[in-house]
Amino acid sequence: ISICQSHKLERCGFITSDWEIVAVNNVHEKPEYNFYMDSEDAQQSLEYIIEETGRDVLAVWHTHPNNWPWPSPRDICGWPDLGVVSWRYFIVTNNEVIEWRKVKADGK
């Protein structure tokens, strides 16, 4: 929450299996309302998490400094593919951290 409160632009990154917050540079052209992880920085962060700490990635997170508590359509389009990874997904506002889950139309 303090990351969200201290920045007017969206921030993003990963959360490790021991709940360490790893920030990744947001390189979206309109970072006030969007995020796009810098691919090189994301790769380095994943290598740090997996190889250096020996941990797993638990989740992806990003902030909504506008305090919007739910995923935007762009957020949903960029959601991690659940067929590939089992990462959780968190949105951070100025007041709370909310975990969102994507389910298939059949509810699974």
PDB file of N, CA and C in Angstrom:
ATOM      1  N   ILE A   1       0.833  -1.189   0.000  1.00  0.00           N
ATOM      2  CA  ILE A   1       0.000   0.000   0.000  1.00  0.00           C
ATOM      3  C   ILE A   1       0.878   1.252   0.000  1.00  0.00           C
ATOM      4  N   SER A   2       1.976   1.223   0.743  1.00  0.00           N
ATOM      5  CA  SER A   2       2.852   2.402   0.779  1.00  0.00           C
ATOM      6  C   SER A   2       3.459   2.689  -0.589  1.00  0.00           C
ATOM      7  N   ILE A   3       3.713   1.641  -1.393  1.00  0.00           N
ATOM      8  CA  ILE A   3       4.226   1.849  -2.755  1.00  0.00           C
ATOM      9  C   ILE A   3       3.179   2.597  -3.573  1.00  0.00           C
ATOM     10  N   CYS A   4       1.932   2.199  -3.465  1.00  0.00           N
ATOM     11  CA  CYS A   4       0.851   2.843  -4.212  1.00  0.00           C
ATOM     12  C   CYS A   4       0.673   4.289  -3.747  1.00  0.00           C
ATOM     13  N   GLN A   5       0.682   4.491  -2.455  1.00  0.00           N
ATOM     14  CA  GLN A   5       0.457   5.828  -1.911  1.00  0.00           C
ATOM     15  C   GLN A   5       1.574   6.805  -2.267  1.00  0.00           C
ATOM     16  N   SER A   6       2.770   6.291  -2.507  1.00  0.00           N
ATOM     17  CA  SER A   6       3.914   7.182  -2.747  1.00  0.00           C
ATOM     18  C   SER A   6       4.209   7.417  -4.227  1.00  0.00           C
ATOM     19  N   HIS A   7       3.401   6.856  -5.131  1.00  0.00           N
ATOM     20  CA  HIS A   7       3.642   7.020  -6.560  1.00  0.00           C
ATOM     21  C   HIS A   7       2.341   7.321  -7.289  1.00  0.00           C
ATOM     22  N   LYS A   8       2.388   8.257  -8.216  1.00  0.00           N
ATOM     23  CA  LYS A   8       1.209   8.584  -9.015  1.00  0.00           C
ATOM     24  C   LYS A   8       1.088   7.696 -10.241  1.00  0.00           C
ATOM     25  N   LEU A   9       2.156   6.978 -10.569  1.00  0.00           N
ATOM     26  CA  LEU A   9       2.150   6.080 -11.714  1.00  0.00           C
ATOM     27  C   LEU A   9       1.978   4.647 -11.217  1.00  0.00           C
ATOM     28  N   GLU A  10       1.415   3.788 -12.073  1.00  0.00           N
ATOM     29  CA  GLU A  10       1.258   2.389 -11.687  1.00  0.00           C
ATOM     30  C   GLU A  10       2.627   1.742 -11.539  1.00  0.00           C
ATOM     31  N   ARG A  11       2.766   0.944 -10.509  1.00  0.00           N
ATOM     32  CA  ARG A  11       3.967   0.155 -10.251  1.00  0.00           C
ATOM     33  C   ARG A  11       3.574  -1.307 -10.384  1.00  0.00           C
ATOM     34  N   CYS A  12       4.564  -2.179 -10.604  1.00  0.00           N
ATOM     35  CA  CYS A  12       4.247  -3.591 -10.827  1.00  0.00           C
ATOM     36  C   CYS A  12       5.424  -4.465 -10.433  1.00  0.00           C
ATOM     37  N   GLY A  13       5.171  -5.770 -10.394  1.00  0.00           N
ATOM     38  CA  GLY A  13       6.247  -6.700 -10.089  1.00  0.00           C
ATOM     39  C   GLY A  13       5.729  -8.061  -9.701  1.00  0.00           C
ATOM     40  N   PHE A  14       6.574  -8.774  -8.967  1.00  0.00           N
ATOM     41  CA  PHE A  14       6.284 -10.134  -8.543  1.00  0.00           C
ATOM     42  C   PHE A  14       6.304 -10.213  -7.024  1.00  0.00           C
ATOM     43  N   ILE A  15       5.681 -11.252  -6.504  1.00  0.00           N
ATOM     44  CA  ILE A  15       5.750 -11.585  -5.083  1.00  0.00           C
ATOM     45  C   ILE A  15       6.318 -12.994  -5.001  1.00  0.00           C
ATOM     46  N   THR A  16       7.327 -13.175  -4.159  1.00  0.00           N
ATOM     47  CA  THR A  16       7.959 -14.487  -4.024  1.00  0.00           C
ATOM     48  C   THR A  16       7.151 -15.371  -3.080  1.00  0.00           C
ATOM     49  N   SER A  17       7.491 -16.643  -3.063  1.00  0.00           N
ATOM     50  CA  SER A  17       6.792 -17.601  -2.206  1.00  0.00           C
ATOM     51  C   SER A  17       6.986 -17.316  -0.718  1.00  0.00           C
ATOM     52  N   ASP A  18       7.949 -16.465  -0.365  1.00  0.00           N
ATOM     53  CA  ASP A  18       8.063 -16.039   1.033  1.00  0.00           C
ATOM     54  C   ASP A  18       7.602 -14.590   1.210  1.00  0.00           C
ATOM     55  N   TRP A  19       6.800 -14.111   0.251  1.00  0.00           N
ATOM     56  CA  TRP A  19       6.124 -12.819   0.285  1.00  0.00           C
ATOM     57  C   TRP A  19       7.056 -11.611   0.141  1.00  0.00           C
ATOM     58  N   GLU A  20       8.222 -11.803  -0.467  1.00  0.00           N
ATOM     59  CA  GLU A  20       9.082 -10.659  -0.783  1.00  0.00           C
ATOM     60  C   GLU A  20       8.495  -9.942  -1.993  1.00  0.00           C
ATOM     61  N   ILE A  21       8.445  -8.623  -1.931  1.00  0.00           N
ATOM     62  CA  ILE A  21       7.953  -7.801  -3.036  1.00  0.00           C
ATOM     63  C   ILE A  21       9.134  -7.463  -3.933  1.00  0.00           C
ATOM     64  N   VAL A  22       9.046  -7.829  -5.220  1.00  0.00           N
ATOM     65  CA  VAL A  22      10.095  -7.536  -6.193  1.00  0.00           C
ATOM     66  C   VAL A  22       9.481  -6.628  -7.250  1.00  0.00           C
ATOM     67  N   ALA A  23       9.943  -5.383  -7.300  1.00  0.00           N
ATOM     68  CA  ALA A  23       9.414  -4.420  -8.263  1.00  0.00           C
ATOM     69  C   ALA A  23      10.056  -4.623  -9.631  1.00  0.00           C
ATOM     70  N   VAL A  24       9.266  -4.381 -10.668  1.00  0.00           N
ATOM     71  CA  VAL A  24       9.736  -4.431 -12.050  1.00  0.00           C
ATOM     72  C   VAL A  24       9.367  -3.098 -12.686  1.00  0.00           C
ATOM     73  N   ASN A  25      10.255  -2.572 -13.525  1.00  0.00           N
ATOM     74  CA  ASN A  25       9.988  -1.285 -14.173  1.00  0.00           C
ATOM     75  C   ASN A  25       8.738  -1.347 -15.046  1.00  0.00           C
ATOM     76  N   ASN A  26       7.886  -0.349 -14.899  1.00  0.00           N
ATOM     77  CA  ASN A  26       6.700  -0.197 -15.727  1.00  0.00           C
ATOM     78  C   ASN A  26       7.077   0.684 -16.911  1.00  0.00           C
ATOM     79  N   VAL A  27       7.006   0.131 -18.117  1.00  0.00           N
ATOM     80  CA  VAL A  27       7.422   0.884 -19.301  1.00  0.00           C
ATOM     81  C   VAL A  27       6.239   1.231 -20.214  1.00  0.00           C
ATOM     82  N   HIS A  28       5.027   1.157 -19.685  1.00  0.00           N
ATOM     83  CA  HIS A  28       3.863   1.514 -20.501  1.00  0.00           C
ATOM     84  C   HIS A  28       3.935   2.992 -20.866  1.00  0.00           C
ATOM     85  N   GLU A  29       3.483   3.328 -22.075  1.00  0.00           N
ATOM     86  CA  GLU A  29       3.549   4.724 -22.519  1.00  0.00           C
ATOM     87  C   GLU A  29       2.594   5.633 -21.746  1.00  0.00           C
ATOM     88  N   LYS A  30       1.580   5.049 -21.090  1.00  0.00           N
ATOM     89  CA  LYS A  30       0.666   5.816 -20.245  1.00  0.00           C
ATOM     90  C   LYS A  30       0.599   5.163 -18.862  1.00  0.00           C
ATOM     91  N   PRO A  31       1.676   5.281 -18.091  1.00  0.00           N
ATOM     92  CA  PRO A  31       1.756   4.570 -16.810  1.00  0.00           C
ATOM     93  C   PRO A  31       0.834   5.114 -15.720  1.00  0.00           C
ATOM     94  N   GLU A  32       0.146   6.220 -16.003  1.00  0.00           N
ATOM     95  CA  GLU A  32      -0.807   6.743 -15.021  1.00  0.00           C
ATOM     96  C   GLU A  32      -1.975   5.780 -14.823  1.00  0.00           C
ATOM     97  N   TYR A  33      -2.296   5.018 -15.900  1.00  0.00           N
ATOM     98  CA  TYR A  33      -3.467   4.138 -15.862  1.00  0.00           C
ATOM     99  C   TYR A  33      -3.186   2.736 -16.375  1.00  0.00           C
ATOM    100  N   ASN A  34      -1.939   2.407 -16.636  1.00  0.00           N
ATOM    101  CA  ASN A  34      -1.596   1.121 -17.223  1.00  0.00           C
ATOM    102  C   ASN A  34      -0.239   0.659 -16.720  1.00  0.00           C
ATOM    103  N   PHE A  35      -0.011  -0.636 -16.890  1.00  0.00           N
ATOM    104  CA  PHE A  35       1.339  -1.120 -16.638  1.00  0.00           C
ATOM    105  C   PHE A  35       1.709  -2.139 -17.699  1.00  0.00           C
ATOM    106  N   TYR A  36       2.983  -2.154 -17.993  1.00  0.00           N
ATOM    107  CA  TYR A  36       3.576  -3.132 -18.893  1.00  0.00           C
ATOM    108  C   TYR A  36       4.975  -3.383 -18.374  1.00  0.00           C
ATOM    109  N   MET A  37       5.221  -4.585 -17.906  1.00  0.00           N
ATOM    110  CA  MET A  37       6.527  -4.889 -17.326  1.00  0.00           C
ATOM    111  C   MET A  37       7.614  -4.838 -18.387  1.00  0.00           C
ATOM    112  N   ASP A  38       8.702  -4.168 -18.055  1.00  0.00           N
ATOM    113  CA  ASP A  38       9.878  -4.172 -18.921  1.00  0.00           C
ATOM    114  C   ASP A  38      10.376  -5.613 -19.008  1.00  0.00           C
ATOM    115  N   SER A  39      10.461  -6.143 -20.230  1.00  0.00           N
ATOM    116  CA  SER A  39      10.774  -7.563 -20.387  1.00  0.00           C
ATOM    117  C   SER A  39      12.146  -7.936 -19.831  1.00  0.00           C
ATOM    118  N   GLU A  40      13.145  -7.090 -20.043  1.00  0.00           N
ATOM    119  CA  GLU A  40      14.491  -7.395 -19.527  1.00  0.00           C
ATOM    120  C   GLU A  40      14.508  -7.357 -17.997  1.00  0.00           C
ATOM    121  N   ASP A  41      13.880  -6.341 -17.426  1.00  0.00           N
ATOM    122  CA  ASP A  41      13.829  -6.226 -15.974  1.00  0.00           C
ATOM    123  C   ASP A  41      13.014  -7.373 -15.368  1.00  0.00           C
ATOM    124  N   ALA A  42      11.915  -7.763 -16.028  1.00  0.00           N
ATOM    125  CA  ALA A  42      11.108  -8.888 -15.548  1.00  0.00           C
ATOM    126  C   ALA A  42      11.925 -10.172 -15.566  1.00  0.00           C
ATOM    127  N   GLN A  43      12.677 -10.382 -16.640  1.00  0.00           N
ATOM    128  CA  GLN A  43      13.506 -11.589 -16.737  1.00  0.00           C
ATOM    129  C   GLN A  43      14.564 -11.614 -15.635  1.00  0.00           C
ATOM    130  N   GLN A  44      15.206 -10.471 -15.402  1.00  0.00           N
ATOM    131  CA  GLN A  44      16.205 -10.394 -14.333  1.00  0.00           C
ATOM    132  C   GLN A  44      15.573 -10.641 -12.966  1.00  0.00           C
ATOM    133  N   SER A  45      14.372 -10.123 -12.773  1.00  0.00           N
ATOM    134  CA  SER A  45      13.677 -10.325 -11.499  1.00  0.00           C
ATOM    135  C   SER A  45      13.319 -11.795 -11.303  1.00  0.00           C
ATOM    136  N   LEU A  46      12.856 -12.448 -12.365  1.00  0.00           N
ATOM    137  CA  LEU A  46      12.534 -13.874 -12.272  1.00  0.00           C
ATOM    138  C   LEU A  46      13.783 -14.700 -11.983  1.00  0.00           C
ATOM    139  N   GLU A  47      14.900 -14.356 -12.631  1.00  0.00           N
ATOM    140  CA  GLU A  47      16.162 -15.056 -12.376  1.00  0.00           C
ATOM    141  C   GLU A  47      16.604 -14.854 -10.930  1.00  0.00           C
ATOM    142  N   TYR A  48      16.459 -13.629 -10.427  1.00  0.00           N
ATOM    143  CA  TYR A  48      16.798 -13.353  -9.036  1.00  0.00           C
ATOM    144  C   TYR A  48      15.951 -14.227  -8.104  1.00  0.00           C
ATOM    145  N   ILE A  49      14.639 -14.240  -8.331  1.00  0.00           N
ATOM    146  CA  ILE A  49      13.738 -14.995  -7.457  1.00  0.00           C
ATOM    147  C   ILE A  49      14.067 -16.480  -7.481  1.00  0.00           C
ATOM    148  N   ILE A  50      14.176 -17.042  -8.665  1.00  0.00           N
ATOM    149  CA  ILE A  50      14.322 -18.489  -8.801  1.00  0.00           C
ATOM    150  C   ILE A  50      15.747 -18.961  -8.522  1.00  0.00           C
ATOM    151  N   GLU A  51      16.730 -18.275  -9.123  1.00  0.00           N
ATOM    152  CA  GLU A  51      18.111 -18.748  -9.028  1.00  0.00           C
ATOM    153  C   GLU A  51      18.832 -18.254  -7.781  1.00  0.00           C
ATOM    154  N   GLU A  52      18.666 -16.978  -7.436  1.00  0.00           N
ATOM    155  CA  GLU A  52      19.419 -16.435  -6.312  1.00  0.00           C
ATOM    156  C   GLU A  52      18.770 -16.704  -4.964  1.00  0.00           C
ATOM    157  N   THR A  53      17.445 -16.604  -4.898  1.00  0.00           N
ATOM    158  CA  THR A  53      16.794 -16.833  -3.606  1.00  0.00           C
ATOM    159  C   THR A  53      16.316 -18.271  -3.461  1.00  0.00           C
ATOM    160  N   GLY A  54      16.212 -19.001  -4.576  1.00  0.00           N
ATOM    161  CA  GLY A  54      15.718 -20.367  -4.530  1.00  0.00           C
ATOM    162  C   GLY A  54      14.224 -20.451  -4.237  1.00  0.00           C
ATOM    163  N   ARG A  55      13.531 -19.344  -4.416  1.00  0.00           N
ATOM    164  CA  ARG A  55      12.088 -19.296  -4.149  1.00  0.00           C
ATOM    165  C   ARG A  55      11.315 -19.436  -5.448  1.00  0.00           C
ATOM    166  N   ASP A  56      10.007 -19.549  -5.321  1.00  0.00           N
ATOM    167  CA  ASP A  56       9.112 -19.571  -6.469  1.00  0.00           C
ATOM    168  C   ASP A  56       8.399 -18.229  -6.570  1.00  0.00           C
ATOM    169  N   VAL A  57       7.814 -17.976  -7.723  1.00  0.00           N
ATOM    170  CA  VAL A  57       6.966 -16.804  -7.884  1.00  0.00           C
ATOM    171  C   VAL A  57       5.582 -17.185  -7.375  1.00  0.00           C
ATOM    172  N   LEU A  58       5.091 -16.415  -6.440  1.00  0.00           N
ATOM    173  CA  LEU A  58       3.750 -16.635  -5.899  1.00  0.00           C
ATOM    174  C   LEU A  58       2.713 -15.850  -6.700  1.00  0.00           C
ATOM    175  N   ALA A  59       3.068 -14.602  -7.090  1.00  0.00           N
ATOM    176  CA  ALA A  59       2.047 -13.733  -7.674  1.00  0.00           C
ATOM    177  C   ALA A  59       2.650 -12.611  -8.507  1.00  0.00           C
ATOM    178  N   VAL A  60       1.769 -12.023  -9.294  1.00  0.00           N
ATOM    179  CA  VAL A  60       2.020 -10.760  -9.999  1.00  0.00           C
ATOM    180  C   VAL A  60       1.215  -9.704  -9.244  1.00  0.00           C
ATOM    181  N   TRP A  61       1.770  -8.511  -9.117  1.00  0.00           N
ATOM    182  CA  TRP A  61       1.044  -7.417  -8.473  1.00  0.00           C
ATOM    183  C   TRP A  61       1.213  -6.156  -9.294  1.00  0.00           C
ATOM    184  N   HIS A  62       0.254  -5.283  -9.174  1.00  0.00           N
ATOM    185  CA  HIS A  62       0.416  -3.931  -9.691  1.00  0.00           C
ATOM    186  C   HIS A  62      -0.492  -2.984  -8.922  1.00  0.00           C
ATOM    187  N   THR A  63      -0.153  -1.722  -8.966  1.00  0.00           N
ATOM    188  CA  THR A  63      -0.894  -0.725  -8.202  1.00  0.00           C
ATOM    189  C   THR A  63      -1.928  -0.027  -9.079  1.00  0.00           C
ATOM    190  N   HIS A  64      -2.938   0.477  -8.414  1.00  0.00           N
ATOM    191  CA  HIS A  64      -3.931   1.358  -9.026  1.00  0.00           C
ATOM    192  C   HIS A  64      -3.955   2.641  -8.195  1.00  0.00           C
ATOM    193  N   PRO A  65      -3.060   3.596  -8.504  1.00  0.00           N
ATOM    194  CA  PRO A  65      -3.032   4.828  -7.723  1.00  0.00           C
ATOM    195  C   PRO A  65      -4.329   5.638  -7.836  1.00  0.00           C
ATOM    196  N   ASN A  66      -5.136   5.338  -8.862  1.00  0.00           N
ATOM    197  CA  ASN A  66      -6.432   6.005  -9.000  1.00  0.00           C
ATOM    198  C   ASN A  66      -7.471   5.411  -8.044  1.00  0.00           C
ATOM    199  N   ASN A  67      -7.048   4.399  -7.283  1.00  0.00           N
ATOM    200  CA  ASN A  67      -7.848   3.737  -6.255  1.00  0.00           C
ATOM    201  C   ASN A  67      -8.961   2.864  -6.825  1.00  0.00           C
ATOM    202  N   TRP A  68      -8.925   2.563  -8.096  1.00  0.00           N
ATOM    203  CA  TRP A  68      -9.886   1.663  -8.721  1.00  0.00           C
ATOM    204  C   TRP A  68      -9.591   0.252  -8.216  1.00  0.00           C
ATOM    205  N   PRO A  69     -10.517  -0.422  -7.516  1.00  0.00           N
ATOM    206  CA  PRO A  69     -10.180  -1.683  -6.857  1.00  0.00           C
ATOM    207  C   PRO A  69     -10.275  -2.941  -7.708  1.00  0.00           C
ATOM    208  N   TRP A  70     -10.728  -2.850  -8.950  1.00  0.00           N
ATOM    209  CA  TRP A  70     -10.861  -4.066  -9.749  1.00  0.00           C
ATOM    210  C   TRP A  70     -10.051  -3.976 -11.032  1.00  0.00           C
ATOM    211  N   PRO A  71      -9.790  -5.113 -11.659  1.00  0.00           N
ATOM    212  CA  PRO A  71      -8.968  -5.130 -12.873  1.00  0.00           C
ATOM    213  C   PRO A  71      -9.657  -4.409 -14.032  1.00  0.00           C
ATOM    214  N   SER A  72      -8.867  -3.674 -14.777  1.00  0.00           N
ATOM    215  CA  SER A  72      -9.380  -3.040 -15.994  1.00  0.00           C
ATOM    216  C   SER A  72      -9.450  -4.097 -17.095  1.00  0.00           C
ATOM    217  N   PRO A  73     -10.144  -3.817 -18.195  1.00  0.00           N
ATOM    218  CA  PRO A  73     -10.129  -4.755 -19.325  1.00  0.00           C
ATOM    219  C   PRO A  73      -8.708  -5.051 -19.813  1.00  0.00           C
ATOM    220  N   ARG A  74      -7.823  -4.043 -19.781  1.00  0.00           N
ATOM    221  CA  ARG A  74      -6.422  -4.259 -20.181  1.00  0.00           C
ATOM    222  C   ARG A  74      -5.717  -5.188 -19.201  1.00  0.00           C
ATOM    223  N   ASP A  75      -6.030  -5.044 -17.897  1.00  0.00           N
ATOM    224  CA  ASP A  75      -5.444  -5.943 -16.900  1.00  0.00           C
ATOM    225  C   ASP A  75      -5.851  -7.385 -17.184  1.00  0.00           C
ATOM    226  N   ILE A  76      -7.108  -7.588 -17.483  1.00  0.00           N
ATOM    227  CA  ILE A  76      -7.616  -8.935 -17.731  1.00  0.00           C
ATOM    228  C   ILE A  76      -6.968  -9.542 -18.969  1.00  0.00           C
ATOM    229  N   CYS A  77      -6.782  -8.738 -20.011  1.00  0.00           N
ATOM    230  CA  CYS A  77      -6.123  -9.241 -21.230  1.00  0.00           C
ATOM    231  C   CYS A  77      -4.690  -9.666 -20.966  1.00  0.00           C
ATOM    232  N   GLY A  78      -4.023  -9.013 -20.035  1.00  0.00           N
ATOM    233  CA  GLY A  78      -2.627  -9.327 -19.727  1.00  0.00           C
ATOM    234  C   GLY A  78      -2.445 -10.309 -18.593  1.00  0.00           C
ATOM    235  N   TRP A  79      -3.525 -10.889 -18.126  1.00  0.00           N
ATOM    236  CA  TRP A  79      -3.482 -11.826 -16.997  1.00  0.00           C
ATOM    237  C   TRP A  79      -2.563 -12.997 -17.304  1.00  0.00           C
ATOM    238  N   PRO A  80      -1.791 -13.474 -16.325  1.00  0.00           N
ATOM    239  CA  PRO A  80      -0.954 -14.660 -16.569  1.00  0.00           C
ATOM    240  C   PRO A  80      -1.807 -15.837 -17.034  1.00  0.00           C
ATOM    241  N   ASP A  81      -1.319 -16.578 -17.999  1.00  0.00           N
ATOM    242  CA  ASP A  81      -2.029 -17.734 -18.545  1.00  0.00           C
ATOM    243  C   ASP A  81      -2.031 -18.856 -17.516  1.00  0.00           C
ATOM    244  N   LEU A  82      -3.205 -19.167 -16.990  1.00  0.00           N
ATOM    245  CA  LEU A  82      -3.303 -20.180 -15.936  1.00  0.00           C
ATOM    246  C   LEU A  82      -2.948 -21.574 -16.423  1.00  0.00           C
ATOM    247  N   GLY A  83      -2.921 -21.773 -17.752  1.00  0.00           N
ATOM    248  CA  GLY A  83      -2.480 -23.054 -18.284  1.00  0.00           C
ATOM    249  C   GLY A  83      -0.968 -23.198 -18.230  1.00  0.00           C
ATOM    250  N   VAL A  84      -0.272 -22.074 -18.038  1.00  0.00           N
ATOM    251  CA  VAL A  84       1.192 -22.061 -18.025  1.00  0.00           C
ATOM    252  C   VAL A  84       1.731 -21.887 -16.607  1.00  0.00           C
ATOM    253  N   VAL A  85       1.157 -20.960 -15.866  1.00  0.00           N
ATOM    254  CA  VAL A  85       1.629 -20.672 -14.506  1.00  0.00           C
ATOM    255  C   VAL A  85       0.447 -20.673 -13.540  1.00  0.00           C
ATOM    256  N   SER A  86       0.732 -20.877 -12.287  1.00  0.00           N
ATOM    257  CA  SER A  86      -0.321 -20.855 -11.268  1.00  0.00           C
ATOM    258  C   SER A  86      -0.191 -19.622 -10.380  1.00  0.00           C
ATOM    259  N   TRP A  87       0.332 -18.543 -10.933  1.00  0.00           N
ATOM    260  CA  TRP A  87       0.552 -17.338 -10.148  1.00  0.00           C
ATOM    261  C   TRP A  87      -0.756 -16.698  -9.722  1.00  0.00           C
ATOM    262  N   ARG A  88      -0.722 -16.143  -8.541  1.00  0.00           N
ATOM    263  CA  ARG A  88      -1.852 -15.369  -8.039  1.00  0.00           C
ATOM    264  C   ARG A  88      -1.732 -13.942  -8.577  1.00  0.00           C
ATOM    265  N   TYR A  89      -2.788 -13.140  -8.413  1.00  0.00           N
ATOM    266  CA  TYR A  89      -2.845 -11.816  -9.033  1.00  0.00           C
ATOM    267  C   TYR A  89      -3.406 -10.816  -8.027  1.00  0.00           C
ATOM    268  N   PHE A  90      -2.612  -9.786  -7.713  1.00  0.00           N
ATOM    269  CA  PHE A  90      -3.019  -8.800  -6.718  1.00  0.00           C
ATOM    270  C   PHE A  90      -3.041  -7.398  -7.325  1.00  0.00           C
ATOM    271  N   ILE A  91      -4.057  -6.645  -6.951  1.00  0.00           N
ATOM    272  CA  ILE A  91      -4.121  -5.217  -7.271  1.00  0.00           C
ATOM    273  C   ILE A  91      -4.041  -4.462  -5.956  1.00  0.00           C
ATOM    274  N   VAL A  92      -3.196  -3.446  -5.939  1.00  0.00           N
ATOM    275  CA  VAL A  92      -2.967  -2.662  -4.733  1.00  0.00           C
ATOM    276  C   VAL A  92      -3.526  -1.261  -4.946  1.00  0.00           C
ATOM    277  N   THR A  93      -4.416  -0.826  -4.064  1.00  0.00           N
ATOM    278  CA  THR A  93      -4.931   0.540  -4.113  1.00  0.00           C
ATOM    279  C   THR A  93      -4.296   1.326  -2.964  1.00  0.00           C
ATOM    280  N   ASN A  94      -4.742   2.533  -2.773  1.00  0.00           N
ATOM    281  CA  ASN A  94      -4.228   3.346  -1.670  1.00  0.00           C
ATOM    282  C   ASN A  94      -4.699   2.862  -0.310  1.00  0.00           C
ATOM    283  N   ASN A  95      -5.680   1.943  -0.315  1.00  0.00           N
ATOM    284  CA  ASN A  95      -6.280   1.509   0.941  1.00  0.00           C
ATOM    285  C   ASN A  95      -6.229   0.012   1.205  1.00  0.00           C
ATOM    286  N   GLU A  96      -6.048  -0.793   0.144  1.00  0.00           N
ATOM    287  CA  GLU A  96      -6.120  -2.243   0.353  1.00  0.00           C
ATOM    288  C   GLU A  96      -5.382  -3.004  -0.738  1.00  0.00           C
ATOM    289  N   VAL A  97      -5.131  -4.266  -0.444  1.00  0.00           N
ATOM    290  CA  VAL A  97      -4.547  -5.201  -1.400  1.00  0.00           C
ATOM    291  C   VAL A  97      -5.622  -6.246  -1.675  1.00  0.00           C
ATOM    292  N   ILE A  98      -5.961  -6.397  -2.964  1.00  0.00           N
ATOM    293  CA  ILE A  98      -7.056  -7.283  -3.331  1.00  0.00           C
ATOM    294  C   ILE A  98      -6.534  -8.373  -4.249  1.00  0.00           C
ATOM    295  N   GLU A  99      -6.828  -9.625  -3.890  1.00  0.00           N
ATOM    296  CA  GLU A  99      -6.462 -10.731  -4.764  1.00  0.00           C
ATOM    297  C   GLU A  99      -7.633 -11.009  -5.694  1.00  0.00           C
ATOM    298  N   TRP A 100      -7.310 -11.108  -6.976  1.00  0.00           N
ATOM    299  CA  TRP A 100      -8.313 -11.414  -7.991  1.00  0.00           C
ATOM    300  C   TRP A 100      -8.000 -12.769  -8.593  1.00  0.00           C
ATOM    301  N   ARG A 101      -9.033 -13.485  -8.974  1.00  0.00           N
ATOM    302  CA  ARG A 101      -8.852 -14.783  -9.614  1.00  0.00           C
ATOM    303  C   ARG A 101      -9.616 -14.827 -10.913  1.00  0.00           C
ATOM    304  N   LYS A 102      -8.999 -15.389 -11.896  1.00  0.00           N
ATOM    305  CA  LYS A 102      -9.647 -15.554 -13.193  1.00  0.00           C
ATOM    306  C   LYS A 102     -10.164 -16.984 -13.251  1.00  0.00           C
ATOM    307  N   VAL A 103     -11.422 -17.125 -13.584  1.00  0.00           N
ATOM    308  CA  VAL A 103     -12.012 -18.456 -13.707  1.00  0.00           C
ATOM    309  C   VAL A 103     -12.574 -18.616 -15.109  1.00  0.00           C
ATOM    310  N   LYS A 104     -12.630 -19.840 -15.555  1.00  0.00           N
ATOM    311  CA  LYS A 104     -13.204 -20.134 -16.856  1.00  0.00           C
ATOM    312  C   LYS A 104     -14.708 -19.977 -16.783  1.00  0.00           C
ATOM    313  N   ALA A 105     -15.356 -19.918 -17.932  1.00  0.00           N
ATOM    314  CA  ALA A 105     -16.801 -19.728 -17.979  1.00  0.00           C
ATOM    315  C   ALA A 105     -17.542 -20.820 -17.216  1.00  0.00           C
ATOM    316  N   ASP A 106     -16.960 -22.016 -17.105  1.00  0.00           N
ATOM    317  CA  ASP A 106     -17.626 -23.095 -16.379  1.00  0.00           C
ATOM    318  C   ASP A 106     -17.379 -23.010 -14.867  1.00  0.00           C
ATOM    319  N   GLY A 107     -16.695 -21.934 -14.429  1.00  0.00           N
ATOM    320  CA  GLY A 107     -16.472 -21.716 -13.009  1.00  0.00           C
ATOM    321  C   GLY A 107     -15.238 -22.376 -12.432  1.00  0.00           C
ATOM    322  N   LYS A 108     -14.430 -23.041 -13.253  1.00  0.00           N
ATOM    323  CA  LYS A 108     -13.229 -23.716 -12.755  1.00  0.00           C
ATOM    324  C   LYS A 108     -12.006 -22.873 -12.952  1.00  0.00           C
TER     325      LYS A 108
END
